[in-house]
Each structure stands twice: as C-alpha cells, then as structure tokens.
C-alpha cells in the first residue's frame, strides 16, 4: 500500500499545479558571422558569436534592462530563460517558460533585442569614439600648421621656398647669359643680387623642417581618421544587419506538456516507496524472527 499511497499523493500534488507556457525565439545571424569585415570573422566566428550571445543574454546588463522594461522578477527571468546553440551553426535558440502566457513573447522579444543591441551597439559607440578622437587630432594638427604659418608670416612655406629657389635659379642663369655675351661687368653686378637671394633661401631651411614635421603629423592624423571612419562604417553595417526585425523569429507560446514529468515523478516516488516498503517488511520479519527464537522471553 505504501507505493500506491505515495504515487497517489504525487499525482495529487502535481496535477493541480498551474499550467506553464513556453515559446522560442530563433536568432539567425547569417550576415553577422564569418565575413572578413565582421566582428566575428574567421573559423572561430561561429563559436565566438554563440558564446558571446549566451553570456550577454544571461548577463547583468541585459537582465537588468529586461527586468526594468517588462517588470518580470529577476528570479523568474533567471529560472525561465534558456539559451542554446542550434546544432553547430551560428543560429541560437532563446526559450522562455512562465506561468503567465501573456508575458512569454514580450520577454523573449526584449531579451533578444537587448542582447543584439548590447553586442553590436557597443561596437558602434567604440568606433564613433575613435572617430571623434581622430577628428580632434586632425583639427589640432591643422591648427598647429595655421599657427606656424601665421607666426612666420608665410602662408605656404613650401610654395615660398620653391618660388625663392626659382628666383635664385633665374638670377644664376641671367648671370651665365651675361658672361656668355661678354658682359663681365653686368655679370659681376648680379653677384650681389644672387647672394642676397641665396641668403633669403637659407632662411627657409628651418621653416621647411618645422613645416614638414607639422604636415607629416597632419597626414598621419588624416590617415587615422580615414581608418576610424572605415571601422565606424563596418560597425554601423553590422548593427544594421543585427536588426531584430530581420534576424529574430519568435514562435507562439505553447502550454508545457506535463504528462511526462508527472509520470517520471510518480514512477520515481513509487519506486522509492516500494524499496522503503521492502526495507520495512525486512525489519518486521527480522524483528518477528528475533522474538520467536528459542530462549526469547
């Protein structure tokens, strides 16, 4: 009778329990994994994405956001949410189970949206910060060049140097023509102008060194800005590809089939009760045998 009573009690306890409802959201990130310009590139891209998604979906950032938006309790969210990889693909299944049917789909939608947002929006923010820093570096380099040219009263030292060099070359050629024409006096008179022009040319040497240093720094800053803009464009494209309306598919909630769980629980309890009954019978038999033994009062 003990197994029958235990099994009946188990069924009586499990049957009246409220019905649970479950639904599954499938995340299919085909455009987010494996490409050369994606965050999860290469042979390990699938593993990295799945691991990152699972950790983020169950992490404090996403759970706090979901709790705040849906008003679900943290314990219910932790108990009802399960994230698994679908086979060996990059596709992820997010399942949620609750006794409140109306909350299952909204919570699934919020979990997937918050997870994708956390994974890819952070990359855009990081890339945007890099672009902002690179823009400041370009502005600083440009301002340094402007200050340098204003301080030395030369709009473009490179052009000024080339113009002065052309002037020196022109005077030297004129002197050579004068000598060739036999005009020694005129050629000698030009020596003073040539010396003055060459002296003026030497003044540009330190200016050119400083100016080239500044322009080189600006070129490097512009190249860094171009690279940062390219990363921002790639991160923005990833965020667009991570749009939940394009890659998340949420199923309808279904009542959880409890029959298998009830059967397993009932059989387990019945088996345990049967073994306990055997132990009790064995104890009773041994006790009775001890009383019936010869010499027992």
C-alpha atoms as a PDB file:
ATOM      1  CA  UNK A   1       0.000   0.000   0.000  1.00  0.00           C
ATOM      2  CA  UNK A   2       2.899   2.356   0.659  1.00  0.00           C
ATOM      3  CA  UNK A   3       3.878   2.724  -3.070  1.00  0.00           C
ATOM      4  CA  UNK A   4       0.236   3.237  -4.048  1.00  0.00           C
ATOM      5  CA  UNK A   5      -0.259   5.917  -1.419  1.00  0.00           C
ATOM      6  CA  UNK A   6       2.994   7.679  -2.388  1.00  0.00           C
ATOM      7  CA  UNK A   7       2.158   7.635  -6.101  1.00  0.00           C
ATOM      8  CA  UNK A   8      -1.375   8.869  -5.474  1.00  0.00           C
ATOM      9  CA  UNK A   9      -0.047  11.709  -3.330  1.00  0.00           C
ATOM     10  CA  UNK A  10       2.470  12.662  -6.028  1.00  0.00           C
ATOM     11  CA  UNK A  11      -0.187  12.785  -8.730  1.00  0.00           C
ATOM     12  CA  UNK A  12      -2.453  14.745  -6.415  1.00  0.00           C
ATOM     13  CA  UNK A  13       0.279  17.317  -5.801  1.00  0.00           C
ATOM     14  CA  UNK A  14       1.426  17.726  -9.414  1.00  0.00           C
ATOM     15  CA  UNK A  15      -1.896  17.816 -11.266  1.00  0.00           C
ATOM     16  CA  UNK A  16      -3.323  20.953  -9.608  1.00  0.00           C
ATOM     17  CA  UNK A  17      -0.191  22.987 -10.326  1.00  0.00           C
ATOM     18  CA  UNK A  18      -0.683  25.938 -12.720  1.00  0.00           C
ATOM     19  CA  UNK A  19      -0.053  25.366 -16.425  1.00  0.00           C
ATOM     20  CA  UNK A  20       3.255  26.687 -17.732  1.00  0.00           C
ATOM     21  CA  UNK A  21       3.695  28.239 -21.168  1.00  0.00           C
ATOM     22  CA  UNK A  22       6.824  28.313 -23.275  1.00  0.00           C
ATOM     23  CA  UNK A  23       7.961  29.875 -26.561  1.00  0.00           C
ATOM     24  CA  UNK A  24      11.204  30.006 -28.520  1.00  0.00           C
ATOM     25  CA  UNK A  25      12.910  32.819 -30.404  1.00  0.00           C
ATOM     26  CA  UNK A  26      15.380  31.820 -33.114  1.00  0.00           C
ATOM     27  CA  UNK A  27      18.230  34.226 -33.881  1.00  0.00           C
ATOM     28  CA  UNK A  28      19.689  33.596 -37.347  1.00  0.00           C
ATOM     29  CA  UNK A  29      22.745  35.898 -37.765  1.00  0.00           C
ATOM     30  CA  UNK A  30      23.939  34.711 -41.170  1.00  0.00           C
ATOM     31  CA  UNK A  31      25.222  38.174 -42.171  1.00  0.00           C
ATOM     32  CA  UNK A  32      26.986  38.754 -38.855  1.00  0.00           C
ATOM     33  CA  UNK A  33      29.321  35.768 -38.700  1.00  0.00           C
ATOM     34  CA  UNK A  34      32.181  34.598 -40.906  1.00  0.00           C
ATOM     35  CA  UNK A  35      32.723  37.627 -43.141  1.00  0.00           C
ATOM     36  CA  UNK A  36      36.121  39.322 -43.320  1.00  0.00           C
ATOM     37  CA  UNK A  37      34.681  42.695 -42.271  1.00  0.00           C
ATOM     38  CA  UNK A  38      32.534  41.342 -39.437  1.00  0.00           C
ATOM     39  CA  UNK A  39      33.153  41.348 -35.714  1.00  0.00           C
ATOM     40  CA  UNK A  40      33.005  37.533 -35.635  1.00  0.00           C
ATOM     41  CA  UNK A  41      35.272  36.608 -38.534  1.00  0.00           C
ATOM     42  CA  UNK A  42      37.295  33.525 -39.369  1.00  0.00           C
ATOM     43  CA  UNK A  43      36.959  29.876 -38.472  1.00  0.00           C
ATOM     44  CA  UNK A  44      36.139  30.654 -34.833  1.00  0.00           C
ATOM     45  CA  UNK A  45      33.460  33.208 -35.708  1.00  0.00           C
ATOM     46  CA  UNK A  46      30.535  30.873 -35.024  1.00  0.00           C
ATOM     47  CA  UNK A  47      31.865  29.737 -31.660  1.00  0.00           C
ATOM     48  CA  UNK A  48      32.718  33.283 -30.643  1.00  0.00           C
ATOM     49  CA  UNK A  49      29.294  34.634 -31.583  1.00  0.00           C
ATOM     50  CA  UNK A  50      27.370  31.872 -29.824  1.00  0.00           C
ATOM     51  CA  UNK A  51      29.474  32.217 -26.671  1.00  0.00           C
ATOM     52  CA  UNK A  52      29.117  36.000 -26.688  1.00  0.00           C
ATOM     53  CA  UNK A  53      25.357  35.791 -27.245  1.00  0.00           C
ATOM     54  CA  UNK A  54      24.826  33.267 -24.457  1.00  0.00           C
ATOM     55  CA  UNK A  55      26.970  35.219 -21.997  1.00  0.00           C
ATOM     56  CA  UNK A  56      25.352  38.548 -22.872  1.00  0.00           C
ATOM     57  CA  UNK A  57      21.772  37.242 -22.793  1.00  0.00           C
ATOM     58  CA  UNK A  58      22.297  35.847 -19.294  1.00  0.00           C
ATOM     59  CA  UNK A  59      24.491  38.730 -18.141  1.00  0.00           C
ATOM     60  CA  UNK A  60      23.560  41.539 -15.753  1.00  0.00           C
ATOM     61  CA  UNK A  61      23.281  44.271 -18.403  1.00  0.00           C
ATOM     62  CA  UNK A  62      20.594  42.523 -20.434  1.00  0.00           C
ATOM     63  CA  UNK A  63      18.745  41.094 -17.457  1.00  0.00           C
ATOM     64  CA  UNK A  64      18.595  44.455 -15.720  1.00  0.00           C
ATOM     65  CA  UNK A  65      17.226  46.087 -18.864  1.00  0.00           C
ATOM     66  CA  UNK A  66      14.634  43.350 -19.401  1.00  0.00           C
ATOM     67  CA  UNK A  67      13.516  43.435 -15.759  1.00  0.00           C
ATOM     68  CA  UNK A  68      13.134  47.217 -15.918  1.00  0.00           C
ATOM     69  CA  UNK A  69      11.136  47.138 -19.166  1.00  0.00           C
ATOM     70  CA  UNK A  70       8.913  44.081 -18.643  1.00  0.00           C
ATOM     71  CA  UNK A  71       8.596  44.173 -14.818  1.00  0.00           C
ATOM     72  CA  UNK A  72       9.377  40.443 -14.616  1.00  0.00           C
ATOM     73  CA  UNK A  73      11.100  39.379 -11.411  1.00  0.00           C
ATOM     74  CA  UNK A  74      14.838  38.615 -11.713  1.00  0.00           C
ATOM     75  CA  UNK A  75      14.313  35.126 -10.232  1.00  0.00           C
ATOM     76  CA  UNK A  76      11.548  34.259 -12.724  1.00  0.00           C
ATOM     77  CA  UNK A  77      13.677  35.513 -15.612  1.00  0.00           C
ATOM     78  CA  UNK A  78      16.705  33.509 -14.497  1.00  0.00           C
ATOM     79  CA  UNK A  79      14.629  30.358 -13.946  1.00  0.00           C
ATOM     80  CA  UNK A  80      12.673  30.529 -17.188  1.00  0.00           C
ATOM     81  CA  UNK A  81      15.289  31.650 -19.720  1.00  0.00           C
ATOM     82  CA  UNK A  82      17.395  29.113 -21.632  1.00  0.00           C
ATOM     83  CA  UNK A  83      19.819  29.955 -24.486  1.00  0.00           C
ATOM     84  CA  UNK A  84      21.215  27.153 -26.668  1.00  0.00           C
ATOM     85  CA  UNK A  85      23.088  26.782 -29.942  1.00  0.00           C
ATOM     86  CA  UNK A  86      21.179  25.145 -32.774  1.00  0.00           C
ATOM     87  CA  UNK A  87      23.413  22.302 -33.878  1.00  0.00           C
ATOM     88  CA  UNK A  88      26.817  23.544 -34.972  1.00  0.00           C
ATOM     89  CA  UNK A  89      25.524  26.659 -36.727  1.00  0.00           C
ATOM     90  CA  UNK A  90      25.620  30.285 -35.621  1.00  0.00           C
ATOM     91  CA  UNK A  91      21.863  30.158 -35.076  1.00  0.00           C
ATOM     92  CA  UNK A  92      20.775  30.497 -31.444  1.00  0.00           C
ATOM     93  CA  UNK A  93      17.519  29.414 -29.783  1.00  0.00           C
ATOM     94  CA  UNK A  94      16.238  31.507 -26.865  1.00  0.00           C
ATOM     95  CA  UNK A  95      13.445  29.807 -24.899  1.00  0.00           C
ATOM     96  CA  UNK A  96      11.411  31.258 -22.053  1.00  0.00           C
ATOM     97  CA  UNK A  97       8.909  29.484 -19.808  1.00  0.00           C
ATOM     98  CA  UNK A  98       6.412  31.127 -17.487  1.00  0.00           C
ATOM     99  CA  UNK A  99       3.008  30.542 -15.910  1.00  0.00           C
ATOM    100  CA  UNK A 100       1.873  33.897 -17.344  1.00  0.00           C
ATOM    101  CA  UNK A 101       1.182  33.245 -21.027  1.00  0.00           C
ATOM    102  CA  UNK A 102       0.937  36.939 -21.888  1.00  0.00           C
ATOM    103  CA  UNK A 103       4.499  37.681 -20.776  1.00  0.00           C
ATOM    104  CA  UNK A 104       6.331  34.915 -22.657  1.00  0.00           C
ATOM    105  CA  UNK A 105       6.613  36.544 -26.091  1.00  0.00           C
ATOM    106  CA  UNK A 106       7.300  40.119 -24.849  1.00  0.00           C
ATOM    107  CA  UNK A 107      10.109  38.879 -22.625  1.00  0.00           C
ATOM    108  CA  UNK A 108      11.624  36.815 -25.447  1.00  0.00           C
ATOM    109  CA  UNK A 109      11.488  39.802 -27.786  1.00  0.00           C
ATOM    110  CA  UNK A 110      13.071  42.080 -25.205  1.00  0.00           C
ATOM    111  CA  UNK A 111      15.842  39.615 -24.350  1.00  0.00           C
ATOM    112  CA  UNK A 112      16.848  39.161 -27.987  1.00  0.00           C
ATOM    113  CA  UNK A 113      16.628  42.886 -28.771  1.00  0.00           C
ATOM    114  CA  UNK A 114      18.661  43.877 -25.712  1.00  0.00           C
ATOM    115  CA  UNK A 115      21.271  41.180 -26.377  1.00  0.00           C
ATOM    116  CA  UNK A 116      21.813  42.172 -30.007  1.00  0.00           C
ATOM    117  CA  UNK A 117      21.862  45.840 -29.037  1.00  0.00           C
ATOM    118  CA  UNK A 118      24.487  45.217 -26.355  1.00  0.00           C
ATOM    119  CA  UNK A 119      26.658  43.119 -28.676  1.00  0.00           C
ATOM    120  CA  UNK A 120      26.699  45.457 -31.680  1.00  0.00           C
ATOM    121  CA  UNK A 121      25.724  48.933 -30.462  1.00  0.00           C
ATOM    122  CA  UNK A 122      28.792  48.910 -28.210  1.00  0.00           C
ATOM    123  CA  UNK A 123      30.971  48.414 -31.311  1.00  0.00           C
ATOM    124  CA  UNK A 124      29.386  51.433 -32.985  1.00  0.00           C
ATOM    125  CA  UNK A 125      29.897  53.530 -29.866  1.00  0.00           C
ATOM    126  CA  UNK A 126      33.538  52.462 -29.636  1.00  0.00           C
ATOM    127  CA  UNK A 127      34.117  53.200 -33.330  1.00  0.00           C
ATOM    128  CA  UNK A 128      32.390  56.584 -33.007  1.00  0.00           C
ATOM    129  CA  UNK A 129      34.629  57.451 -30.057  1.00  0.00           C
ATOM    130  CA  UNK A 130      37.664  56.594 -32.188  1.00  0.00           C
ATOM    131  CA  UNK A 131      36.365  58.822 -34.999  1.00  0.00           C
ATOM    132  CA  UNK A 132      35.799  61.699 -32.587  1.00  0.00           C
ATOM    133  CA  UNK A 133      39.343  61.340 -31.240  1.00  0.00           C
ATOM    134  CA  UNK A 134      40.798  61.201 -34.758  1.00  0.00           C
ATOM    135  CA  UNK A 135      38.834  64.307 -35.766  1.00  0.00           C
ATOM    136  CA  UNK A 136      40.235  66.180 -32.775  1.00  0.00           C
ATOM    137  CA  UNK A 137      43.747  65.080 -33.764  1.00  0.00           C
ATOM    138  CA  UNK A 138      43.244  66.371 -37.333  1.00  0.00           C
ATOM    139  CA  UNK A 139      41.860  69.669 -36.033  1.00  0.00           C
ATOM    140  CA  UNK A 140      44.811  70.063 -33.667  1.00  0.00           C
ATOM    141  CA  UNK A 141      47.317  69.309 -36.450  1.00  0.00           C
ATOM    142  CA  UNK A 142      45.589  71.792 -38.786  1.00  0.00           C
ATOM    143  CA  UNK A 143      45.581  74.468 -36.076  1.00  0.00           C
ATOM    144  CA  UNK A 144      49.303  73.898 -35.437  1.00  0.00           C
ATOM    145  CA  UNK A 145      50.044  74.480 -39.140  1.00  0.00           C
ATOM    146  CA  UNK A 146      47.971  77.667 -39.154  1.00  0.00           C
ATOM    147  CA  UNK A 147      49.750  78.970 -36.067  1.00  0.00           C
ATOM    148  CA  UNK A 148      53.137  78.138 -37.611  1.00  0.00           C
ATOM    149  CA  UNK A 149      52.432  79.968 -40.885  1.00  0.00           C
ATOM    150  CA  UNK A 150      50.975  82.986 -39.054  1.00  0.00           C
ATOM    151  CA  UNK A 151      53.953  83.195 -36.706  1.00  0.00           C
ATOM    152  CA  UNK A 152      56.429  83.106 -39.595  1.00  0.00           C
ATOM    153  CA  UNK A 153      54.329  85.330 -41.899  1.00  0.00           C
ATOM    154  CA  UNK A 154      54.391  82.682 -44.646  1.00  0.00           C
ATOM    155  CA  UNK A 155      51.149  81.324 -45.968  1.00  0.00           C
ATOM    156  CA  UNK A 156      52.754  78.252 -47.522  1.00  0.00           C
ATOM    157  CA  UNK A 157      56.457  77.705 -46.745  1.00  0.00           C
ATOM    158  CA  UNK A 158      56.717  75.008 -49.411  1.00  0.00           C
ATOM    159  CA  UNK A 159      55.483  77.283 -52.199  1.00  0.00           C
ATOM    160  CA  UNK A 160      57.515  80.205 -50.875  1.00  0.00           C
ATOM    161  CA  UNK A 161      60.661  78.069 -50.825  1.00  0.00           C
ATOM    162  CA  UNK A 162      60.053  76.831 -54.370  1.00  0.00           C
ATOM    163  CA  UNK A 163      59.400  80.403 -55.578  1.00  0.00           C
ATOM    164  CA  UNK A 164      62.618  81.670 -53.964  1.00  0.00           C
ATOM    165  CA  UNK A 165      64.571  78.728 -55.390  1.00  0.00           C
ATOM    166  CA  UNK A 166      63.212  79.544 -58.856  1.00  0.00           C
ATOM    167  CA  UNK A 167      64.267  83.164 -58.341  1.00  0.00           C
ATOM    168  CA  UNK A 168      67.837  82.124 -57.454  1.00  0.00           C
ATOM    169  CA  UNK A 169      67.999  79.803 -60.472  1.00  0.00           C
ATOM    170  CA  UNK A 170      66.746  82.616 -62.709  1.00  0.00           C
ATOM    171  CA  UNK A 171      69.390  85.045 -61.462  1.00  0.00           C
ATOM    172  CA  UNK A 172      72.144  82.458 -61.922  1.00  0.00           C
ATOM    173  CA  UNK A 173      71.001  81.801 -65.484  1.00  0.00           C
ATOM    174  CA  UNK A 174      70.911  85.527 -66.230  1.00  0.00           C
ATOM    175  CA  UNK A 175      74.461  85.856 -64.896  1.00  0.00           C
ATOM    176  CA  UNK A 176      75.560  82.958 -67.063  1.00  0.00           C
ATOM    177  CA  UNK A 177      73.981  84.551 -70.158  1.00  0.00           C
ATOM    178  CA  UNK A 178      75.717  87.842 -69.374  1.00  0.00           C
ATOM    179  CA  UNK A 179      79.083  86.138 -69.126  1.00  0.00           C
ATOM    180  CA  UNK A 180      78.432  84.241 -72.337  1.00  0.00           C
ATOM    181  CA  UNK A 181      77.629  87.518 -74.076  1.00  0.00           C
ATOM    182  CA  UNK A 182      80.908  89.006 -72.842  1.00  0.00           C
ATOM    183  CA  UNK A 183      79.201  91.338 -70.394  1.00  0.00           C
ATOM    184  CA  UNK A 184      81.563  90.740 -67.478  1.00  0.00           C
ATOM    185  CA  UNK A 185      80.559  93.971 -65.716  1.00  0.00           C
ATOM    186  CA  UNK A 186      76.852  93.052 -65.796  1.00  0.00           C
ATOM    187  CA  UNK A 187      77.593  89.510 -64.661  1.00  0.00           C
ATOM    188  CA  UNK A 188      79.651  90.799 -61.736  1.00  0.00           C
ATOM    189  CA  UNK A 189      76.910  93.260 -60.784  1.00  0.00           C
ATOM    190  CA  UNK A 190      74.425  90.399 -60.491  1.00  0.00           C
ATOM    191  CA  UNK A 191      76.561  88.625 -57.901  1.00  0.00           C
ATOM    192  CA  UNK A 192      75.157  90.810 -55.133  1.00  0.00           C
ATOM    193  CA  UNK A 193      71.549  90.014 -56.089  1.00  0.00           C
ATOM    194  CA  UNK A 194      72.344  86.312 -56.278  1.00  0.00           C
ATOM    195  CA  UNK A 195      73.998  86.335 -52.859  1.00  0.00           C
ATOM    196  CA  UNK A 196      71.016  88.149 -51.328  1.00  0.00           C
ATOM    197  CA  UNK A 197      68.590  85.701 -52.941  1.00  0.00           C
ATOM    198  CA  UNK A 198      70.614  82.715 -51.719  1.00  0.00           C
ATOM    199  CA  UNK A 199      70.737  84.174 -48.215  1.00  0.00           C
ATOM    200  CA  UNK A 200      66.975  84.555 -48.290  1.00  0.00           C
ATOM    201  CA  UNK A 201      66.726  80.958 -49.469  1.00  0.00           C
ATOM    202  CA  UNK A 202      68.705  79.672 -46.473  1.00  0.00           C
ATOM    203  CA  UNK A 203      66.137  81.299 -44.196  1.00  0.00           C
ATOM    204  CA  UNK A 204      63.584  78.799 -45.445  1.00  0.00           C
ATOM    205  CA  UNK A 205      65.584  75.739 -44.334  1.00  0.00           C
ATOM    206  CA  UNK A 206      64.440  75.702 -40.683  1.00  0.00           C
ATOM    207  CA  UNK A 207      60.950  76.802 -41.755  1.00  0.00           C
ATOM    208  CA  UNK A 208      60.730  73.873 -44.148  1.00  0.00           C
ATOM    209  CA  UNK A 209      61.861  71.415 -41.438  1.00  0.00           C
ATOM    210  CA  UNK A 210      59.223  72.600 -38.999  1.00  0.00           C
ATOM    211  CA  UNK A 211      56.539  72.836 -41.677  1.00  0.00           C
ATOM    212  CA  UNK A 212      57.199  69.318 -42.977  1.00  0.00           C
ATOM    213  CA  UNK A 213      57.040  67.949 -39.423  1.00  0.00           C
ATOM    214  CA  UNK A 214      53.648  69.561 -38.927  1.00  0.00           C
ATOM    215  CA  UNK A 215      52.263  68.474 -42.312  1.00  0.00           C
ATOM    216  CA  UNK A 216      53.501  64.921 -41.736  1.00  0.00           C
ATOM    217  CA  UNK A 217      51.693  64.862 -38.386  1.00  0.00           C
ATOM    218  CA  UNK A 218      48.522  66.066 -40.089  1.00  0.00           C
ATOM    219  CA  UNK A 219      48.834  63.420 -42.809  1.00  0.00           C
ATOM    220  CA  UNK A 220      49.139  60.709 -40.148  1.00  0.00           C
ATOM    221  CA  UNK A 221      46.107  62.139 -38.329  1.00  0.00           C
ATOM    222  CA  UNK A 222      44.064  62.160 -41.540  1.00  0.00           C
ATOM    223  CA  UNK A 223      45.018  58.540 -42.255  1.00  0.00           C
ATOM    224  CA  UNK A 224      43.959  57.575 -38.720  1.00  0.00           C
ATOM    225  CA  UNK A 225      40.665  59.387 -39.270  1.00  0.00           C
ATOM    226  CA  UNK A 226      40.092  57.506 -42.532  1.00  0.00           C
ATOM    227  CA  UNK A 227      40.748  54.183 -40.767  1.00  0.00           C
ATOM    228  CA  UNK A 228      38.422  55.128 -37.903  1.00  0.00           C
ATOM    229  CA  UNK A 229      35.680  56.101 -40.345  1.00  0.00           C
ATOM    230  CA  UNK A 230      36.079  52.751 -42.116  1.00  0.00           C
ATOM    231  CA  UNK A 231      35.679  50.897 -38.799  1.00  0.00           C
ATOM    232  CA  UNK A 232      32.648  53.011 -37.942  1.00  0.00           C
ATOM    233  CA  UNK A 233      31.081  52.199 -41.299  1.00  0.00           C
ATOM    234  CA  UNK A 234      31.696  48.471 -40.757  1.00  0.00           C
ATOM    235  CA  UNK A 235      30.285  48.598 -37.214  1.00  0.00           C
ATOM    236  CA  UNK A 236      27.240  50.528 -38.421  1.00  0.00           C
ATOM    237  CA  UNK A 237      26.669  47.943 -41.141  1.00  0.00           C
ATOM    238  CA  UNK A 238      26.862  45.158 -38.549  1.00  0.00           C
ATOM    239  CA  UNK A 239      24.352  46.967 -36.369  1.00  0.00           C
ATOM    240  CA  UNK A 240      22.021  47.284 -39.336  1.00  0.00           C
ATOM    241  CA  UNK A 241      22.419  43.569 -40.079  1.00  0.00           C
ATOM    242  CA  UNK A 242      21.643  42.837 -36.420  1.00  0.00           C
ATOM    243  CA  UNK A 243      18.207  44.417 -36.739  1.00  0.00           C
ATOM    244  CA  UNK A 244      15.914  42.067 -34.736  1.00  0.00           C
ATOM    245  CA  UNK A 245      13.123  42.503 -37.280  1.00  0.00           C
ATOM    246  CA  UNK A 246      15.400  40.847 -39.859  1.00  0.00           C
ATOM    247  CA  UNK A 247      17.073  38.013 -37.938  1.00  0.00           C
ATOM    248  CA  UNK A 248      14.834  37.139 -34.962  1.00  0.00           C
ATOM    249  CA  UNK A 249      11.847  34.812 -35.337  1.00  0.00           C
ATOM    250  CA  UNK A 250       9.607  34.377 -32.282  1.00  0.00           C
ATOM    251  CA  UNK A 251       7.196  31.450 -32.040  1.00  0.00           C
ATOM    252  CA  UNK A 252       3.819  31.430 -30.350  1.00  0.00           C
ATOM    253  CA  UNK A 253       3.553  30.352 -26.708  1.00  0.00           C
ATOM    254  CA  UNK A 254       2.509  26.747 -26.114  1.00  0.00           C
ATOM    255  CA  UNK A 255       1.351  25.011 -22.950  1.00  0.00           C
ATOM    256  CA  UNK A 256       4.076  22.850 -21.464  1.00  0.00           C
ATOM    257  CA  UNK A 257       3.257  19.135 -21.640  1.00  0.00           C
ATOM    258  CA  UNK A 258       3.459  17.964 -18.020  1.00  0.00           C
ATOM    259  CA  UNK A 259       2.450  14.359 -18.580  1.00  0.00           C
ATOM    260  CA  UNK A 260       5.994  13.062 -18.982  1.00  0.00           C
ATOM    261  CA  UNK A 261       7.195  14.925 -15.912  1.00  0.00           C
ATOM    262  CA  UNK A 262       4.255  13.678 -13.847  1.00  0.00           C
ATOM    263  CA  UNK A 263       4.831  10.095 -14.992  1.00  0.00           C
ATOM    264  CA  UNK A 264       8.550  10.243 -14.224  1.00  0.00           C
ATOM    265  CA  UNK A 265       7.948  11.805 -10.822  1.00  0.00           C
ATOM    266  CA  UNK A 266       5.220   9.314  -9.961  1.00  0.00           C
ATOM    267  CA  UNK A 267       7.303   6.314 -11.029  1.00  0.00           C
ATOM    268  CA  UNK A 268      10.325   7.626  -9.113  1.00  0.00           C
ATOM    269  CA  UNK A 269       8.305   8.199  -5.951  1.00  0.00           C
ATOM    270  CA  UNK A 270       6.568   4.808  -6.337  1.00  0.00           C
ATOM    271  CA  UNK A 271       9.907   3.043  -6.771  1.00  0.00           C
ATOM    272  CA  UNK A 272      11.353   4.754  -3.724  1.00  0.00           C
ATOM    273  CA  UNK A 273       8.233   3.910  -1.692  1.00  0.00           C
ATOM    274  CA  UNK A 274       8.393   0.278  -2.837  1.00  0.00           C
ATOM    275  CA  UNK A 275      12.025  -0.008  -1.748  1.00  0.00           C
ATOM    276  CA  UNK A 276      11.150   1.617   1.548  1.00  0.00           C
ATOM    277  CA  UNK A 277       8.312  -0.878   1.955  1.00  0.00           C
ATOM    278  CA  UNK A 278      10.684  -3.752   1.359  1.00  0.00           C
ATOM    279  CA  UNK A 279      13.011  -2.374   3.991  1.00  0.00           C
ATOM    280  CA  UNK A 280      10.122  -2.070   6.462  1.00  0.00           C
ATOM    281  CA  UNK A 281       8.968  -5.632   5.708  1.00  0.00           C
ATOM    282  CA  UNK A 282      12.516  -6.881   6.177  1.00  0.00           C
ATOM    283  CA  UNK A 283      12.747  -5.074   9.518  1.00  0.00           C
ATOM    284  CA  UNK A 284       9.411  -6.558  10.635  1.00  0.00           C
ATOM    285  CA  UNK A 285      10.461 -10.077   9.580  1.00  0.00           C
ATOM    286  CA  UNK A 286      13.775  -9.798  11.377  1.00  0.00           C
ATOM    287  CA  UNK A 287      12.058  -8.441  14.487  1.00  0.00           C
ATOM    288  CA  UNK A 288       9.488 -11.230  14.484  1.00  0.00           C
ATOM    289  CA  UNK A 289      12.198 -13.838  13.966  1.00  0.00           C
ATOM    290  CA  UNK A 290      14.108 -12.436  16.929  1.00  0.00           C
ATOM    291  CA  UNK A 291      11.034 -12.748  19.179  1.00  0.00           C
ATOM    292  CA  UNK A 292      10.281 -16.309  18.039  1.00  0.00           C
ATOM    293  CA  UNK A 293      13.832 -17.515  18.509  1.00  0.00           C
ATOM    294  CA  UNK A 294      14.383 -20.169  21.340  1.00  0.00           C
ATOM    295  CA  UNK A 295      15.175 -18.656  24.732  1.00  0.00           C
ATOM    296  CA  UNK A 296      13.297 -15.446  23.933  1.00  0.00           C
ATOM    297  CA  UNK A 297      11.040 -14.396  26.820  1.00  0.00           C
END
